[in-house]
């Protein structure tokens, strides 16, 4: 296959797309965990009238 063949170009584009999607998934998983922890803090504050540790991430 020549260097500039459409197959190689398509493969590079799909690889870049897969890497971008993996990075997005990792970021969203991290954000999900952060928001879940923040919600747990506020839930404990509301249910048990506890003082939030710090500021519950706000």
N, C-alpha and C. Protein backbone atom coordinates (compact mmCIF):
# COMPACT_ATOMS: atom_id res chain seq x y z
N UNK A 1 0.83 -1.19 0.00
CA UNK A 1 0.00 0.00 0.00
C UNK A 1 0.88 1.25 0.00
N UNK A 2 0.57 2.18 -0.85
CA UNK A 2 1.30 3.45 -0.86
C UNK A 2 1.03 4.23 0.43
N UNK A 3 1.94 5.14 0.73
CA UNK A 3 1.87 5.89 1.99
C UNK A 3 0.56 6.67 2.14
N UNK A 4 0.05 7.26 1.13
CA UNK A 4 -1.14 8.10 1.23
C UNK A 4 -2.43 7.38 0.84
N UNK A 5 -2.48 6.08 0.98
CA UNK A 5 -3.66 5.34 0.53
C UNK A 5 -4.86 5.66 1.43
N UNK A 6 -6.05 5.58 0.87
CA UNK A 6 -7.26 5.88 1.65
C UNK A 6 -7.44 4.94 2.84
N UNK A 7 -6.96 3.71 2.72
CA UNK A 7 -7.10 2.76 3.83
C UNK A 7 -6.30 3.21 5.04
N UNK A 8 -5.07 3.64 4.82
CA UNK A 8 -4.22 4.11 5.92
C UNK A 8 -4.81 5.38 6.53
N UNK A 9 -5.29 6.27 5.69
CA UNK A 9 -5.88 7.52 6.18
C UNK A 9 -7.11 7.22 7.03
N UNK A 10 -7.96 6.34 6.56
CA UNK A 10 -9.16 5.98 7.31
C UNK A 10 -8.79 5.33 8.64
N UNK A 11 -7.77 4.49 8.63
CA UNK A 11 -7.33 3.84 9.85
C UNK A 11 -6.80 4.86 10.85
N UNK A 12 -6.07 5.83 10.39
CA UNK A 12 -5.55 6.88 11.28
C UNK A 12 -6.69 7.72 11.86
N UNK A 13 -7.67 8.03 11.03
CA UNK A 13 -8.81 8.82 11.51
C UNK A 13 -9.58 8.02 12.57
N UNK A 14 -9.83 6.76 12.31
CA UNK A 14 -10.56 5.94 13.27
C UNK A 14 -9.77 5.75 14.57
N UNK A 15 -8.47 5.63 14.47
CA UNK A 15 -7.64 5.51 15.67
C UNK A 15 -7.71 6.79 16.49
N UNK A 16 -7.61 7.92 15.83
CA UNK A 16 -7.71 9.20 16.54
C UNK A 16 -9.09 9.35 17.20
N UNK A 17 -10.13 8.93 16.51
CA UNK A 17 -11.48 8.99 17.05
C UNK A 17 -11.61 8.09 18.28
N UNK A 18 -11.05 6.89 18.22
CA UNK A 18 -11.11 5.96 19.35
C UNK A 18 -10.36 6.52 20.56
N UNK A 19 -9.21 7.14 20.34
CA UNK A 19 -8.45 7.73 21.43
C UNK A 19 -9.22 8.90 22.04
N UNK A 20 -9.82 9.72 21.21
CA UNK A 20 -10.61 10.85 21.71
C UNK A 20 -11.80 10.36 22.54
N UNK A 21 -12.49 9.34 22.07
CA UNK A 21 -13.63 8.80 22.82
C UNK A 21 -13.19 8.18 24.14
N UNK A 22 -12.05 7.51 24.15
CA UNK A 22 -11.54 6.94 25.40
C UNK A 22 -11.21 8.04 26.40
N UNK A 23 -10.62 9.12 25.94
CA UNK A 23 -10.30 10.23 26.83
C UNK A 23 -11.58 10.87 27.37
N UNK A 24 -12.57 11.02 26.53
CA UNK A 24 -13.85 11.57 26.98
C UNK A 24 -14.50 10.67 28.03
N UNK A 25 -14.46 9.37 27.82
CA UNK A 25 -15.03 8.43 28.78
C UNK A 25 -14.31 8.51 30.13
N UNK A 26 -13.00 8.60 30.10
CA UNK A 26 -12.24 8.72 31.34
C UNK A 26 -12.59 10.00 32.08
N UNK A 27 -12.70 11.09 31.36
CA UNK A 27 -13.06 12.37 31.98
C UNK A 27 -14.46 12.31 32.57
N UNK A 28 -15.41 11.74 31.84
CA UNK A 28 -16.78 11.64 32.34
C UNK A 28 -16.87 10.73 33.56
N UNK A 29 -16.10 9.66 33.60
CA UNK A 29 -16.09 8.77 34.77
C UNK A 29 -15.55 9.52 35.99
N UNK A 30 -14.50 10.30 35.80
CA UNK A 30 -13.95 11.09 36.90
C UNK A 30 -14.96 12.12 37.40
N UNK A 31 -15.63 12.80 36.46
CA UNK A 31 -16.63 13.80 36.85
C UNK A 31 -17.81 13.14 37.57
N UNK A 32 -18.23 11.98 37.12
CA UNK A 32 -19.33 11.25 37.75
C UNK A 32 -18.98 10.95 39.21
N UNK A 33 -17.76 10.47 39.44
CA UNK A 33 -17.34 10.15 40.80
C UNK A 33 -17.30 11.40 41.67
N UNK A 34 -16.79 12.48 41.12
CA UNK A 34 -16.71 13.74 41.87
C UNK A 34 -18.10 14.22 42.27
N UNK A 35 -19.02 14.20 41.33
CA UNK A 35 -20.38 14.68 41.63
C UNK A 35 -21.10 13.75 42.59
N UNK A 36 -20.86 12.44 42.48
CA UNK A 36 -21.48 11.49 43.40
C UNK A 36 -20.97 11.71 44.82
N UNK A 37 -19.67 11.96 44.97
CA UNK A 37 -19.11 12.25 46.29
C UNK A 37 -19.69 13.53 46.86
N UNK A 38 -19.85 14.53 46.01
CA UNK A 38 -20.43 15.80 46.46
C UNK A 38 -21.88 15.61 46.89
N UNK A 39 -22.63 14.82 46.14
CA UNK A 39 -24.02 14.56 46.49
C UNK A 39 -24.12 13.78 47.80
N UNK A 40 -23.21 12.83 48.03
CA UNK A 40 -23.20 12.09 49.29
C UNK A 40 -22.97 13.02 50.47
N UNK A 41 -22.09 13.98 50.30
CA UNK A 41 -21.81 14.94 51.36
C UNK A 41 -23.06 15.75 51.69
N UNK A 42 -23.73 16.27 50.68
CA UNK A 42 -24.92 17.07 50.91
C UNK A 42 -26.08 16.22 51.44
N UNK A 43 -26.16 14.96 51.01
CA UNK A 43 -27.21 14.07 51.49
C UNK A 43 -27.04 13.83 53.00
N UNK A 44 -25.81 13.58 53.43
CA UNK A 44 -25.56 13.38 54.86
C UNK A 44 -25.89 14.66 55.63
N UNK A 45 -25.55 15.78 55.09
CA UNK A 45 -25.85 17.07 55.73
C UNK A 45 -27.36 17.25 55.88
N UNK A 46 -28.12 16.93 54.84
CA UNK A 46 -29.57 17.13 54.87
C UNK A 46 -30.27 16.10 55.76
N UNK A 47 -29.86 14.84 55.70
CA UNK A 47 -30.55 13.79 56.44
C UNK A 47 -30.24 13.82 57.93
N UNK A 48 -29.00 14.08 58.28
CA UNK A 48 -28.58 13.95 59.66
C UNK A 48 -28.23 15.29 60.31
N UNK A 49 -28.48 16.37 59.62
CA UNK A 49 -28.17 17.71 60.12
C UNK A 49 -26.71 17.81 60.58
N UNK A 50 -25.83 17.19 59.79
CA UNK A 50 -24.40 17.24 60.07
C UNK A 50 -23.79 18.46 59.43
N UNK A 51 -22.71 18.91 59.98
CA UNK A 51 -21.97 19.99 59.34
C UNK A 51 -21.18 19.39 58.19
N UNK A 52 -21.28 19.96 57.01
CA UNK A 52 -20.52 19.42 55.89
C UNK A 52 -19.03 19.58 56.12
N UNK A 53 -18.28 18.57 55.68
CA UNK A 53 -16.83 18.64 55.79
C UNK A 53 -16.34 19.63 54.76
N UNK A 54 -15.72 20.69 55.20
CA UNK A 54 -15.29 21.72 54.26
C UNK A 54 -16.53 22.43 53.75
N UNK A 55 -16.73 22.37 52.46
CA UNK A 55 -17.90 23.03 51.89
C UNK A 55 -18.63 22.10 50.91
N UNK A 56 -18.48 20.81 51.07
CA UNK A 56 -19.11 19.80 50.21
C UNK A 56 -18.74 20.01 48.74
N UNK A 57 -17.60 20.54 48.47
CA UNK A 57 -17.12 20.64 47.10
C UNK A 57 -17.70 21.75 46.28
N UNK A 58 -18.30 22.75 46.91
CA UNK A 58 -18.86 23.85 46.11
C UNK A 58 -17.87 24.97 46.00
